[in-house]
Protein backbone atom coordinates (compact mmCIF):
# COMPACT_ATOMS: atom_id res chain seq x y z
CA UNK A 1 37.94 28.40 29.90
CA UNK A 2 35.41 25.60 29.81
CA UNK A 3 31.79 25.93 28.75
CA UNK A 4 30.59 22.91 30.71
CA UNK A 5 27.07 23.43 32.08
CA UNK A 6 26.73 23.40 35.83
CA UNK A 7 24.12 21.07 37.25
CA UNK A 8 21.82 22.42 39.90
CA UNK A 9 19.03 20.98 42.03
CA UNK A 10 16.33 22.78 39.99
CA UNK A 11 17.30 20.84 36.84
CA UNK A 12 17.53 17.39 38.39
CA UNK A 13 16.81 14.86 35.68
CA UNK A 14 16.71 17.49 32.92
CA UNK A 15 19.47 15.71 31.03
CA UNK A 16 17.48 12.45 30.95
CA UNK A 17 15.71 11.55 27.74
CA UNK A 18 12.11 12.65 27.50
CA UNK A 19 9.53 9.94 28.00
CA UNK A 20 8.36 8.32 24.76
CA UNK A 21 5.00 9.77 23.73
CA UNK A 22 3.18 6.95 21.92
CA UNK A 23 0.19 9.11 21.00
CA UNK A 24 2.48 11.68 19.38
CA UNK A 25 4.41 8.92 17.60
CA UNK A 26 1.19 7.34 16.27
CA UNK A 27 -0.10 10.73 15.15
CA UNK A 28 3.12 11.43 13.28
CA UNK A 29 3.07 7.93 11.76
CA UNK A 30 -0.50 8.43 10.54
CA UNK A 31 0.47 11.78 8.98
CA UNK A 32 3.39 10.14 7.17
CA UNK A 33 1.17 7.30 5.91
CA UNK A 34 -1.44 9.82 4.70
CA UNK A 35 1.28 11.67 2.78
CA UNK A 36 2.45 8.41 1.22
CA UNK A 37 -1.13 7.53 0.26
CA UNK A 38 -1.48 10.96 -1.36
CA UNK A 39 1.72 10.49 -3.37
CA UNK A 40 0.63 6.97 -4.39
CA UNK A 41 -2.77 8.12 -5.64
CA UNK A 42 -1.76 8.37 -9.32
CA UNK A 43 -0.55 4.76 -9.20
CA UNK A 44 -3.50 3.54 -7.09
CA UNK A 45 -4.99 1.37 -9.85
CA UNK A 46 -1.74 -0.50 -10.33
CA UNK A 47 -1.22 -0.81 -6.59
CA UNK A 48 -4.76 -2.14 -6.13
CA UNK A 49 -4.32 -4.61 -8.98
CA UNK A 50 -1.05 -5.94 -7.61
CA UNK A 51 -1.68 -5.87 -3.88
CA UNK A 52 -3.70 -7.41 -1.11
CA UNK A 53 -5.42 -5.38 1.64
CA UNK A 54 -6.41 -7.26 4.76
CA UNK A 55 -8.22 -5.97 7.85
CA UNK A 56 -7.57 -7.49 11.27
CA UNK A 57 -10.35 -9.70 12.67
CA UNK A 58 -11.47 -7.01 15.12
CA UNK A 59 -11.25 -4.23 12.54
CA UNK A 60 -8.43 -2.39 14.31
CA UNK A 61 -5.87 -2.24 11.48
CA UNK A 62 -5.75 -2.68 7.73
CA UNK A 63 -2.51 -3.78 6.09
CA UNK A 64 -1.76 -3.65 2.37
CA UNK A 65 1.08 -5.64 0.80
CA UNK A 66 2.25 -6.12 -2.77
CA UNK A 67 2.06 -9.53 -4.41
CA UNK A 68 5.69 -10.02 -3.37
CA UNK A 69 4.76 -9.36 0.29
CA UNK A 70 6.25 -5.86 0.51
CA UNK A 71 4.41 -3.62 2.98
CA UNK A 72 2.60 -0.79 1.17
CA UNK A 73 0.26 0.63 3.80
CA UNK A 74 -0.77 0.33 7.43
CA UNK A 75 -4.03 1.99 8.40
CA UNK A 76 -5.23 2.30 11.97
CA UNK A 77 -9.01 2.09 11.99
CA UNK A 78 -11.34 3.56 14.65
CA UNK A 79 -11.42 0.30 16.61
CA UNK A 80 -7.66 0.72 17.25
CA UNK A 81 -8.31 3.52 19.73
CA UNK A 82 -9.36 1.06 22.44
CA UNK A 83 -6.42 -1.34 21.98
CA UNK A 84 -3.24 -1.26 24.07
CA UNK A 85 -0.16 -0.31 22.03
CA UNK A 86 1.58 -3.65 22.52
CA UNK A 87 -1.57 -5.50 21.39
CA UNK A 88 -1.94 -3.14 18.45
CA UNK A 89 1.64 -3.87 17.39
CA UNK A 90 0.91 -7.60 17.56
CA UNK A 91 -2.22 -7.07 15.43
CA UNK A 92 -0.19 -5.22 12.80
CA UNK A 93 2.38 -8.03 12.62
CA UNK A 94 -0.28 -10.76 12.53
CA UNK A 95 -2.35 -8.95 9.90
CA UNK A 96 0.79 -8.32 7.84
CA UNK A 97 1.71 -12.02 7.99
CA UNK A 98 -1.77 -13.04 6.85
CA UNK A 99 -1.80 -10.42 4.08
CA UNK A 100 1.62 -11.53 2.80
CA UNK A 101 0.46 -15.15 2.76
CA UNK A 102 -2.72 -14.19 0.89
CA UNK A 103 -0.65 -12.15 -1.58
CA UNK A 104 1.63 -15.10 -2.30
CA UNK A 105 -1.43 -17.27 -2.89
CA UNK A 106 -2.91 -14.66 -5.27
CA UNK A 107 0.30 -14.04 -7.22
CA UNK A 108 -0.57 -16.53 -9.94
CA UNK A 109 -4.10 -15.17 -10.34
CA UNK A 110 -2.88 -11.57 -10.50
CA UNK A 111 -0.13 -12.30 -13.02
CA UNK A 112 -2.54 -14.39 -15.07
CA UNK A 113 -4.97 -11.45 -15.07
CA UNK A 114 -2.30 -9.19 -16.56
CA UNK A 115 -1.44 -11.80 -19.18
CA UNK A 116 -5.11 -12.23 -20.07
CA UNK A 117 -5.54 -8.45 -20.24
CA UNK A 118 -2.60 -8.20 -22.64
CA UNK A 119 -3.99 -11.06 -24.73
CA UNK A 120 -7.35 -9.28 -24.88
CA UNK A 121 -5.66 -6.06 -25.99
CA UNK A 122 -3.74 -7.91 -28.72
CA UNK A 123 -6.93 -9.62 -29.92
CA UNK A 124 -8.74 -6.28 -30.06
CA UNK A 125 -5.86 -4.73 -32.02
CA UNK A 126 -5.90 -7.65 -34.48
CA UNK A 127 -9.66 -7.37 -34.89
CA UNK A 128 -9.41 -3.62 -35.57
CA UNK A 129 -6.59 -4.17 -38.09
CA UNK A 130 -8.63 -6.89 -39.83
CA UNK A 131 -11.62 -4.55 -40.00
CA UNK A 132 -9.46 -1.78 -41.44
CA UNK A 133 -7.98 -4.15 -44.04
CA UNK A 134 -11.48 -5.37 -44.99
CA UNK A 135 -12.70 -1.78 -45.32
CA UNK A 136 -9.67 -0.88 -47.46
CA UNK A 137 -10.28 -3.92 -49.70
CA UNK A 138 -13.97 -3.01 -50.02
CA UNK A 139 -13.09 0.56 -51.06
CA UNK A 140 -10.54 -0.66 -53.57
CA UNK A 141 -13.08 -3.07 -55.11
CA UNK A 142 -15.63 -0.25 -55.38
CA UNK A 143 -13.08 1.95 -57.14
CA UNK A 144 -12.28 -0.75 -59.73
């Protein structure tokens, strides 16, 4: 015996795929991005130091990329509400391209900043060790 459903006139078109709901998709996408932002919060300082955030010219979207051009975040700003989906998609791609280019241009500056920071930390450590050695020598000379 077969369990094949019978089609009837009342279900015409019921087996067709549901229409794509862009608003629902965008809402779900925003929720997923918010969850990712929440999980990234502990590493936010490192992300900020090694990434570039760029807002589209009309203020519709903000895109964040790493210094290597990897997409980190897409944020739809209030101005996006009045933009057609196809135009919004084009804005995301264009803003991403500009952010990735800016990130590549900043790579040297960002890496140099880390190197300088490490050099500053080493210099501070040396200075503290020198001060400790001088204090130790002073105490030893007082004891003699």
